[in-house]
Amino acid sequence: MSEMSVTDARSRLSEAVDTARVKHEPVYLLRHGRRVAALIDAEDLANLIEAAEDLDDLKAANAARTEMAESGQGPIPWEEVKAELGLT
């Protein structure tokens, strides 16, 4: 884990980008000694976003299953869904 002030990052941006990109290590930017931002590899960010979206999907699916179980309803047949949406 690397840290540098925002002021240092201005003059050492190439170094900070290389640390994030090559070492896959975030570089935390500090202002007044407090972390205010982080520089990370673009592919690492894409992977994090995808993982977060997958987790959201799993939570939504679990919530839907719980709702169906609590309501006593089973899944709605696809043909019924298409008919309700006017897709038949």
PDB file of N, CA and C in Angstrom:
ATOM      1  N   MET A   1       0.851  -1.176   0.000  1.00  0.00           N
ATOM      2  CA  MET A   1       0.000   0.000   0.000  1.00  0.00           C
ATOM      3  C   MET A   1       0.890   1.231   0.000  1.00  0.00           C
ATOM      4  N   SER A   2       0.643   2.114  -0.939  1.00  0.00           N
ATOM      5  CA  SER A   2       1.414   3.346  -1.047  1.00  0.00           C
ATOM      6  C   SER A   2       0.535   4.537  -0.709  1.00  0.00           C
ATOM      7  N   GLU A   3       1.149   5.541  -0.178  1.00  0.00           N
ATOM      8  CA  GLU A   3       0.462   6.792   0.108  1.00  0.00           C
ATOM      9  C   GLU A   3       1.348   7.944  -0.341  1.00  0.00           C
ATOM     10  N   MET A   4       0.713   8.967  -0.842  1.00  0.00           N
ATOM     11  CA  MET A   4       1.454  10.198  -1.168  1.00  0.00           C
ATOM     12  C   MET A   4       0.479  11.366  -1.122  1.00  0.00           C
ATOM     13  N   SER A   5       1.020  12.512  -0.859  1.00  0.00           N
ATOM     14  CA  SER A   5       0.166  13.702  -0.811  1.00  0.00           C
ATOM     15  C   SER A   5      -0.288  14.051  -2.218  1.00  0.00           C
ATOM     16  N   VAL A   6      -1.375  14.765  -2.305  1.00  0.00           N
ATOM     17  CA  VAL A   6      -1.882  15.206  -3.601  1.00  0.00           C
ATOM     18  C   VAL A   6      -0.820  16.058  -4.294  1.00  0.00           C
ATOM     19  N   THR A   7      -0.123  16.880  -3.527  1.00  0.00           N
ATOM     20  CA  THR A   7       0.934  17.718  -4.089  1.00  0.00           C
ATOM     21  C   THR A   7       2.033  16.861  -4.697  1.00  0.00           C
ATOM     22  N   ASP A   8       2.478  15.812  -3.972  1.00  0.00           N
ATOM     23  CA  ASP A   8       3.498  14.910  -4.514  1.00  0.00           C
ATOM     24  C   ASP A   8       2.989  14.178  -5.741  1.00  0.00           C
ATOM     25  N   ALA A   9       1.721  13.808  -5.727  1.00  0.00           N
ATOM     26  CA  ALA A   9       1.147  13.074  -6.851  1.00  0.00           C
ATOM     27  C   ALA A   9       1.187  13.902  -8.128  1.00  0.00           C
ATOM     28  N   ARG A  10       1.045  15.214  -8.004  1.00  0.00           N
ATOM     29  CA  ARG A  10       1.110  16.078  -9.191  1.00  0.00           C
ATOM     30  C   ARG A  10       2.459  15.955  -9.877  1.00  0.00           C
ATOM     31  N   SER A  11       3.515  15.925  -9.092  1.00  0.00           N
ATOM     32  CA  SER A  11       4.854  15.886  -9.682  1.00  0.00           C
ATOM     33  C   SER A  11       5.330  14.462  -9.947  1.00  0.00           C
ATOM     34  N   ARG A  12       4.688  13.459  -9.344  1.00  0.00           N
ATOM     35  CA  ARG A  12       5.121  12.067  -9.504  1.00  0.00           C
ATOM     36  C   ARG A  12       3.991  11.192 -10.046  1.00  0.00           C
ATOM     37  N   LEU A  13       3.147  11.777 -10.884  1.00  0.00           N
ATOM     38  CA  LEU A  13       1.975  11.063 -11.381  1.00  0.00           C
ATOM     39  C   LEU A  13       2.371   9.787 -12.126  1.00  0.00           C
ATOM     40  N   SER A  14       3.368   9.852 -12.968  1.00  0.00           N
ATOM     41  CA  SER A  14       3.794   8.679 -13.729  1.00  0.00           C
ATOM     42  C   SER A  14       4.192   7.538 -12.793  1.00  0.00           C
ATOM     43  N   GLU A  15       4.916   7.855 -11.747  1.00  0.00           N
ATOM     44  CA  GLU A  15       5.329   6.855 -10.757  1.00  0.00           C
ATOM     45  C   GLU A  15       4.113   6.259 -10.051  1.00  0.00           C
ATOM     46  N   ALA A  16       3.164   7.110  -9.681  1.00  0.00           N
ATOM     47  CA  ALA A  16       1.962   6.636  -8.990  1.00  0.00           C
ATOM     48  C   ALA A  16       1.142   5.719  -9.900  1.00  0.00           C
ATOM     49  N   VAL A  17       1.007   6.097 -11.169  1.00  0.00           N
ATOM     50  CA  VAL A  17       0.262   5.272 -12.123  1.00  0.00           C
ATOM     51  C   VAL A  17       0.955   3.929 -12.304  1.00  0.00           C
ATOM     52  N   ASP A  18       2.274   3.936 -12.429  1.00  0.00           N
ATOM     53  CA  ASP A  18       3.017   2.680 -12.597  1.00  0.00           C
ATOM     54  C   ASP A  18       2.856   1.776 -11.382  1.00  0.00           C
ATOM     55  N   THR A  19       2.870   2.347 -10.198  1.00  0.00           N
ATOM     56  CA  THR A  19       2.683   1.545  -8.983  1.00  0.00           C
ATOM     57  C   THR A  19       1.316   0.875  -9.010  1.00  0.00           C
ATOM     58  N   ALA A  20       0.299   1.628  -9.351  1.00  0.00           N
ATOM     59  CA  ALA A  20      -1.061   1.078  -9.398  1.00  0.00           C
ATOM     60  C   ALA A  20      -1.205   0.051 -10.517  1.00  0.00           C
ATOM     61  N   ARG A  21      -0.648   0.347 -11.671  1.00  0.00           N
ATOM     62  CA  ARG A  21      -0.835  -0.493 -12.850  1.00  0.00           C
ATOM     63  C   ARG A  21       0.016  -1.756 -12.802  1.00  0.00           C
ATOM     64  N   VAL A  22       1.296  -1.614 -12.491  1.00  0.00           N
ATOM     65  CA  VAL A  22       2.220  -2.743 -12.557  1.00  0.00           C
ATOM     66  C   VAL A  22       2.155  -3.611 -11.309  1.00  0.00           C
ATOM     67  N   LYS A  23       2.141  -2.982 -10.150  1.00  0.00           N
ATOM     68  CA  LYS A  23       2.140  -3.732  -8.891  1.00  0.00           C
ATOM     69  C   LYS A  23       0.731  -4.102  -8.439  1.00  0.00           C
ATOM     70  N   HIS A  24      -0.281  -3.571  -9.127  1.00  0.00           N
ATOM     71  CA  HIS A  24      -1.680  -3.780  -8.722  1.00  0.00           C
ATOM     72  C   HIS A  24      -1.861  -3.425  -7.249  1.00  0.00           C
ATOM     73  N   GLU A  25      -1.228  -2.327  -6.892  1.00  0.00           N
ATOM     74  CA  GLU A  25      -1.267  -1.821  -5.517  1.00  0.00           C
ATOM     75  C   GLU A  25      -1.890  -0.440  -5.531  1.00  0.00           C
ATOM     76  N   PRO A  26      -2.930  -0.208  -4.750  1.00  0.00           N
ATOM     77  CA  PRO A  26      -3.522   1.127  -4.757  1.00  0.00           C
ATOM     78  C   PRO A  26      -2.562   2.177  -4.206  1.00  0.00           C
ATOM     79  N   VAL A  27      -2.657   3.357  -4.756  1.00  0.00           N
ATOM     80  CA  VAL A  27      -1.885   4.496  -4.255  1.00  0.00           C
ATOM     81  C   VAL A  27      -2.909   5.464  -3.663  1.00  0.00           C
ATOM     82  N   TYR A  28      -2.841   5.643  -2.355  1.00  0.00           N
ATOM     83  CA  TYR A  28      -3.770   6.535  -1.670  1.00  0.00           C
ATOM     84  C   TYR A  28      -3.220   7.948  -1.701  1.00  0.00           C
ATOM     85  N   LEU A  29      -4.070   8.891  -2.072  1.00  0.00           N
ATOM     86  CA  LEU A  29      -3.682  10.290  -2.120  1.00  0.00           C
ATOM     87  C   LEU A  29      -4.159  10.967  -0.843  1.00  0.00           C
ATOM     88  N   LEU A  30      -3.247  11.701  -0.233  1.00  0.00           N
ATOM     89  CA  LEU A  30      -3.515  12.324   1.060  1.00  0.00           C
ATOM     90  C   LEU A  30      -3.624  13.834   0.931  1.00  0.00           C
ATOM     91  N   ARG A  31      -4.528  14.391   1.696  1.00  0.00           N
ATOM     92  CA  ARG A  31      -4.624  15.845   1.829  1.00  0.00           C
ATOM     93  C   ARG A  31      -4.701  16.110   3.325  1.00  0.00           C
ATOM     94  N   HIS A  32      -3.765  16.888   3.817  1.00  0.00           N
ATOM     95  CA  HIS A  32      -3.672  17.180   5.251  1.00  0.00           C
ATOM     96  C   HIS A  32      -3.577  15.877   6.064  1.00  0.00           C
ATOM     97  N   GLY A  33      -2.850  14.894   5.508  1.00  0.00           N
ATOM     98  CA  GLY A  33      -2.626  13.636   6.202  1.00  0.00           C
ATOM     99  C   GLY A  33      -3.781  12.652   6.163  1.00  0.00           C
ATOM    100  N   ARG A  34      -4.871  12.998   5.483  1.00  0.00           N
ATOM    101  CA  ARG A  34      -6.046  12.114   5.406  1.00  0.00           C
ATOM    102  C   ARG A  34      -6.227  11.615   3.981  1.00  0.00           C
ATOM    103  N   ARG A  35      -6.594  10.345   3.836  1.00  0.00           N
ATOM    104  CA  ARG A  35      -6.856   9.771   2.516  1.00  0.00           C
ATOM    105  C   ARG A  35      -8.086  10.436   1.897  1.00  0.00           C
ATOM    106  N   VAL A  36      -7.905  10.941   0.687  1.00  0.00           N
ATOM    107  CA  VAL A  36      -9.023  11.590  -0.006  1.00  0.00           C
ATOM    108  C   VAL A  36      -9.365  10.914  -1.333  1.00  0.00           C
ATOM    109  N   ALA A  37      -8.452  10.091  -1.841  1.00  0.00           N
ATOM    110  CA  ALA A  37      -8.691   9.409  -3.116  1.00  0.00           C
ATOM    111  C   ALA A  37      -7.708   8.250  -3.227  1.00  0.00           C
ATOM    112  N   ALA A  38      -7.971   7.407  -4.211  1.00  0.00           N
ATOM    113  CA  ALA A  38      -7.075   6.286  -4.461  1.00  0.00           C
ATOM    114  C   ALA A  38      -6.910   6.114  -5.960  1.00  0.00           C
ATOM    115  N   LEU A  39      -5.712   5.786  -6.361  1.00  0.00           N
ATOM    116  CA  LEU A  39      -5.392   5.513  -7.757  1.00  0.00           C
ATOM    117  C   LEU A  39      -5.201   4.009  -7.864  1.00  0.00           C
ATOM    118  N   ILE A  40      -6.026   3.354  -8.720  1.00  0.00           N
ATOM    119  CA  ILE A  40      -5.897   1.907  -8.887  1.00  0.00           C
ATOM    120  C   ILE A  40      -5.869   1.566 -10.365  1.00  0.00           C
ATOM    121  N   ASP A  41      -5.388   0.362 -10.662  1.00  0.00           N
ATOM    122  CA  ASP A  41      -5.328  -0.119 -12.032  1.00  0.00           C
ATOM    123  C   ASP A  41      -6.741  -0.199 -12.615  1.00  0.00           C
ATOM    124  N   ALA A  42      -6.912   0.186 -13.861  1.00  0.00           N
ATOM    125  CA  ALA A  42      -8.228   0.212 -14.498  1.00  0.00           C
ATOM    126  C   ALA A  42      -8.854  -1.184 -14.546  1.00  0.00           C
ATOM    127  N   GLU A  43      -8.061  -2.205 -14.832  1.00  0.00           N
ATOM    128  CA  GLU A  43      -8.593  -3.570 -14.874  1.00  0.00           C
ATOM    129  C   GLU A  43      -9.020  -4.033 -13.478  1.00  0.00           C
ATOM    130  N   ASP A  44      -8.248  -3.656 -12.461  1.00  0.00           N
ATOM    131  CA  ASP A  44      -8.630  -3.985 -11.089  1.00  0.00           C
ATOM    132  C   ASP A  44      -9.964  -3.325 -10.737  1.00  0.00           C
ATOM    133  N   LEU A  45     -10.151  -2.079 -11.156  1.00  0.00           N
ATOM    134  CA  LEU A  45     -11.418  -1.387 -10.901  1.00  0.00           C
ATOM    135  C   LEU A  45     -12.569  -2.090 -11.613  1.00  0.00           C
ATOM    136  N   ALA A  46     -12.355  -2.476 -12.869  1.00  0.00           N
ATOM    137  CA  ALA A  46     -13.399  -3.179 -13.623  1.00  0.00           C
ATOM    138  C   ALA A  46     -13.783  -4.476 -12.915  1.00  0.00           C
ATOM    139  N   ASN A  47     -12.782  -5.206 -12.404  1.00  0.00           N
ATOM    140  CA  ASN A  47     -13.051  -6.448 -11.679  1.00  0.00           C
ATOM    141  C   ASN A  47     -13.826  -6.180 -10.392  1.00  0.00           C
ATOM    142  N   LEU A  48     -13.480  -5.111  -9.689  1.00  0.00           N
ATOM    143  CA  LEU A  48     -14.195  -4.757  -8.462  1.00  0.00           C
ATOM    144  C   LEU A  48     -15.648  -4.386  -8.752  1.00  0.00           C
ATOM    145  N   ILE A  49     -15.856  -3.619  -9.807  1.00  0.00           N
ATOM    146  CA  ILE A  49     -17.215  -3.225 -10.184  1.00  0.00           C
ATOM    147  C   ILE A  49     -18.033  -4.454 -10.558  1.00  0.00           C
ATOM    148  N   GLU A  50     -17.443  -5.359 -11.338  1.00  0.00           N
ATOM    149  CA  GLU A  50     -18.142  -6.583 -11.732  1.00  0.00           C
ATOM    150  C   GLU A  50     -18.490  -7.427 -10.507  1.00  0.00           C
ATOM    151  N   ALA A  51     -17.553  -7.547  -9.570  1.00  0.00           N
ATOM    152  CA  ALA A  51     -17.819  -8.324  -8.354  1.00  0.00           C
ATOM    153  C   ALA A  51     -18.938  -7.687  -7.530  1.00  0.00           C
ATOM    154  N   ALA A  52     -18.939  -6.366  -7.446  1.00  0.00           N
ATOM    155  CA  ALA A  52     -19.992  -5.668  -6.701  1.00  0.00           C
ATOM    156  C   ALA A  52     -21.345  -5.865  -7.376  1.00  0.00           C
ATOM    157  N   GLU A  53     -21.386  -5.816  -8.701  1.00  0.00           N
ATOM    158  CA  GLU A  53     -22.634  -6.035  -9.427  1.00  0.00           C
ATOM    159  C   GLU A  53     -23.131  -7.466  -9.238  1.00  0.00           C
ATOM    160  N   ASP A  54     -22.198  -8.429  -9.268  1.00  0.00           N
ATOM    161  CA  ASP A  54     -22.568  -9.825  -9.044  1.00  0.00           C
ATOM    162  C   ASP A  54     -23.154 -10.003  -7.645  1.00  0.00           C
ATOM    163  N   LEU A  55     -22.537  -9.368  -6.668  1.00  0.00           N
ATOM    164  CA  LEU A  55     -23.033  -9.454  -5.293  1.00  0.00           C
ATOM    165  C   LEU A  55     -24.426  -8.845  -5.176  1.00  0.00           C
ATOM    166  N   ASP A  56     -24.648  -7.707  -5.842  1.00  0.00           N
ATOM    167  CA  ASP A  56     -25.983  -7.092  -5.854  1.00  0.00           C
ATOM    168  C   ASP A  56     -27.015  -8.035  -6.475  1.00  0.00           C
ATOM    169  N   ASP A  57     -26.627  -8.697  -7.574  1.00  0.00           N
ATOM    170  CA  ASP A  57     -27.540  -9.637  -8.232  1.00  0.00           C
ATOM    171  C   ASP A  57     -27.882 -10.799  -7.297  1.00  0.00           C
ATOM    172  N   LEU A  58     -26.876 -11.313  -6.586  1.00  0.00           N
ATOM    173  CA  LEU A  58     -27.122 -12.411  -5.652  1.00  0.00           C
ATOM    174  C   LEU A  58     -28.051 -11.974  -4.521  1.00  0.00           C
ATOM    175  N   LYS A  59     -27.836 -10.775  -4.008  1.00  0.00           N
ATOM    176  CA  LYS A  59     -28.704 -10.261  -2.946  1.00  0.00           C
ATOM    177  C   LYS A  59     -30.136 -10.106  -3.447  1.00  0.00           C
ATOM    178  N   ALA A  60     -30.301  -9.594  -4.660  1.00  0.00           N
ATOM    179  CA  ALA A  60     -31.641  -9.407  -5.226  1.00  0.00           C
ATOM    180  C   ALA A  60     -32.324 -10.760  -5.449  1.00  0.00           C
ATOM    181  N   ALA A  61     -31.577 -11.743  -5.937  1.00  0.00           N
ATOM    182  CA  ALA A  61     -32.149 -13.073  -6.156  1.00  0.00           C
ATOM    183  C   ALA A  61     -32.563 -13.704  -4.832  1.00  0.00           C
ATOM    184  N   ASN A  62     -31.721 -13.566  -3.824  1.00  0.00           N
ATOM    185  CA  ASN A  62     -32.060 -14.111  -2.504  1.00  0.00           C
ATOM    186  C   ASN A  62     -33.289 -13.418  -1.925  1.00  0.00           C
ATOM    187  N   ALA A  63     -33.377 -12.112  -2.106  1.00  0.00           N
ATOM    188  CA  ALA A  63     -34.545 -11.373  -1.614  1.00  0.00           C
ATOM    189  C   ALA A  63     -35.809 -11.838  -2.335  1.00  0.00           C
ATOM    190  N   ALA A  64     -35.706 -12.061  -3.638  1.00  0.00           N
ATOM    191  CA  ALA A  64     -36.864 -12.532  -4.401  1.00  0.00           C
ATOM    192  C   ALA A  64     -37.283 -13.922  -3.942  1.00  0.00           C
ATOM    193  N   ARG A  65     -36.314 -14.798  -3.706  1.00  0.00           N
ATOM    194  CA  ARG A  65     -36.632 -16.142  -3.214  1.00  0.00           C
ATOM    195  C   ARG A  65     -37.308 -16.074  -1.849  1.00  0.00           C
ATOM    196  N   THR A  66     -36.790 -15.230  -0.983  1.00  0.00           N
ATOM    197  CA  THR A  66     -37.372 -15.066   0.348  1.00  0.00           C
ATOM    198  C   THR A  66     -38.801 -14.540   0.245  1.00  0.00           C
ATOM    199  N   GLU A  67     -39.010 -13.551  -0.617  1.00  0.00           N
ATOM    200  CA  GLU A  67     -40.342 -12.981  -0.807  1.00  0.00           C
ATOM    201  C   GLU A  67     -41.323 -14.035  -1.322  1.00  0.00           C
ATOM    202  N   MET A  68     -40.864 -14.854  -2.284  1.00  0.00           N
ATOM    203  CA  MET A  68     -41.733 -15.909  -2.812  1.00  0.00           C
ATOM    204  C   MET A  68     -42.075 -16.920  -1.715  1.00  0.00           C
ATOM    205  N   ALA A  69     -41.087 -17.299  -0.916  1.00  0.00           N
ATOM    206  CA  ALA A  69     -41.314 -18.277   0.150  1.00  0.00           C
ATOM    207  C   ALA A  69     -42.278 -17.724   1.199  1.00  0.00           C
ATOM    208  N   GLU A  70     -42.115 -16.448   1.544  1.00  0.00           N
ATOM    209  CA  GLU A  70     -42.968 -15.844   2.565  1.00  0.00           C
ATOM    210  C   GLU A  70     -44.396 -15.618   2.072  1.00  0.00           C
ATOM    211  N   SER A  71     -44.549 -15.385   0.791  1.00  0.00           N
ATOM    212  CA  SER A  71     -45.894 -15.131   0.247  1.00  0.00           C
ATOM    213  C   SER A  71     -46.611 -16.422  -0.124  1.00  0.00           C
ATOM    214  N   GLY A  72     -45.869 -17.523  -0.152  1.00  0.00           N
ATOM    215  CA  GLY A  72     -46.471 -18.800  -0.521  1.00  0.00           C
ATOM    216  C   GLY A  72     -46.649 -18.964  -2.010  1.00  0.00           C
ATOM    217  N   GLN A  73     -46.150 -18.029  -2.786  1.00  0.00           N
ATOM    218  CA  GLN A  73     -46.252 -18.115  -4.239  1.00  0.00           C
ATOM    219  C   GLN A  73     -45.007 -18.775  -4.806  1.00  0.00           C
ATOM    220  N   GLY A  74     -45.217 -19.514  -5.866  1.00  0.00           N
ATOM    221  CA  GLY A  74     -44.089 -20.075  -6.597  1.00  0.00           C
ATOM    222  C   GLY A  74     -43.697 -19.125  -7.711  1.00  0.00           C
ATOM    223  N   PRO A  75     -42.783 -19.542  -8.536  1.00  0.00           N
ATOM    224  CA  PRO A  75     -42.380 -18.703  -9.676  1.00  0.00           C
ATOM    225  C   PRO A  75     -43.541 -18.507 -10.652  1.00  0.00           C
ATOM    226  N   ILE A  76     -43.546 -17.393 -11.331  1.00  0.00           N
ATOM    227  CA  ILE A  76     -44.574 -17.095 -12.329  1.00  0.00           C
ATOM    228  C   ILE A  76     -44.128 -17.714 -13.648  1.00  0.00           C
ATOM    229  N   PRO A  77     -44.988 -18.511 -14.279  1.00  0.00           N
ATOM    230  CA  PRO A  77     -44.599 -19.127 -15.555  1.00  0.00           C
ATOM    231  C   PRO A  77     -44.269 -18.063 -16.613  1.00  0.00           C
ATOM    232  N   TRP A  78     -43.263 -18.347 -17.427  1.00  0.00           N
ATOM    233  CA  TRP A  78     -42.789 -17.418 -18.451  1.00  0.00           C
ATOM    234  C   TRP A  78     -43.908 -17.028 -19.413  1.00  0.00           C
ATOM    235  N   GLU A  79     -44.730 -17.952 -19.782  1.00  0.00           N
ATOM    236  CA  GLU A  79     -45.836 -17.651 -20.702  1.00  0.00           C
ATOM    237  C   GLU A  79     -46.773 -16.609 -20.092  1.00  0.00           C
ATOM    238  N   GLU A  80     -47.001 -16.693 -18.795  1.00  0.00           N
ATOM    239  CA  GLU A  80     -47.864 -15.723 -18.107  1.00  0.00           C
ATOM    240  C   GLU A  80     -47.208 -14.337 -18.088  1.00  0.00           C
ATOM    241  N   VAL A  81     -45.923 -14.295 -17.866  1.00  0.00           N
ATOM    242  CA  VAL A  81     -45.193 -13.021 -17.861  1.00  0.00           C
ATOM    243  C   VAL A  81     -45.267 -12.380 -19.243  1.00  0.00           C
ATOM    244  N   LYS A  82     -45.008 -13.171 -20.291  1.00  0.00           N
ATOM    245  CA  LYS A  82     -45.063 -12.639 -21.657  1.00  0.00           C
ATOM    246  C   LYS A  82     -46.466 -12.109 -21.971  1.00  0.00           C
ATOM    247  N   ALA A  83     -47.503 -12.817 -21.528  1.00  0.00           N
ATOM    248  CA  ALA A  83     -48.873 -12.386 -21.796  1.00  0.00           C
ATOM    249  C   ALA A  83     -49.152 -11.063 -21.084  1.00  0.00           C
ATOM    250  N   GLU A  84     -48.702 -10.927 -19.837  1.00  0.00           N
ATOM    251  CA  GLU A  84     -48.914  -9.677 -19.083  1.00  0.00           C
ATOM    252  C   GLU A  84     -48.201  -8.502 -19.752  1.00  0.00           C
ATOM    253  N   LEU A  85     -47.077  -8.772 -20.351  1.00  0.00           N
ATOM    254  CA  LEU A  85     -46.306  -7.711 -21.005  1.00  0.00           C
ATOM    255  C   LEU A  85     -46.727  -7.499 -22.456  1.00  0.00           C
ATOM    256  N   GLY A  86     -47.663  -8.288 -22.925  1.00  0.00           N
ATOM    257  CA  GLY A  86     -48.134  -8.156 -24.310  1.00  0.00           C
ATOM    258  C   GLY A  86     -47.120  -8.645 -25.314  1.00  0.00           C
ATOM    259  N   LEU A  87     -46.331  -9.635 -24.945  1.00  0.00           N
ATOM    260  CA  LEU A  87     -45.283 -10.146 -25.831  1.00  0.00           C
ATOM    261  C   LEU A  87     -45.672 -11.431 -26.534  1.00  0.00           C
ATOM    262  N   THR A  88     -46.918 -11.873 -26.359  1.00  0.00           N
ATOM    263  CA  THR A  88     -47.340 -13.133 -26.987  1.00  0.00           C
ATOM    264  C   THR A  88     -47.860 -12.908 -28.370  1.00  0.00           C
TER     265      THR A  88
END
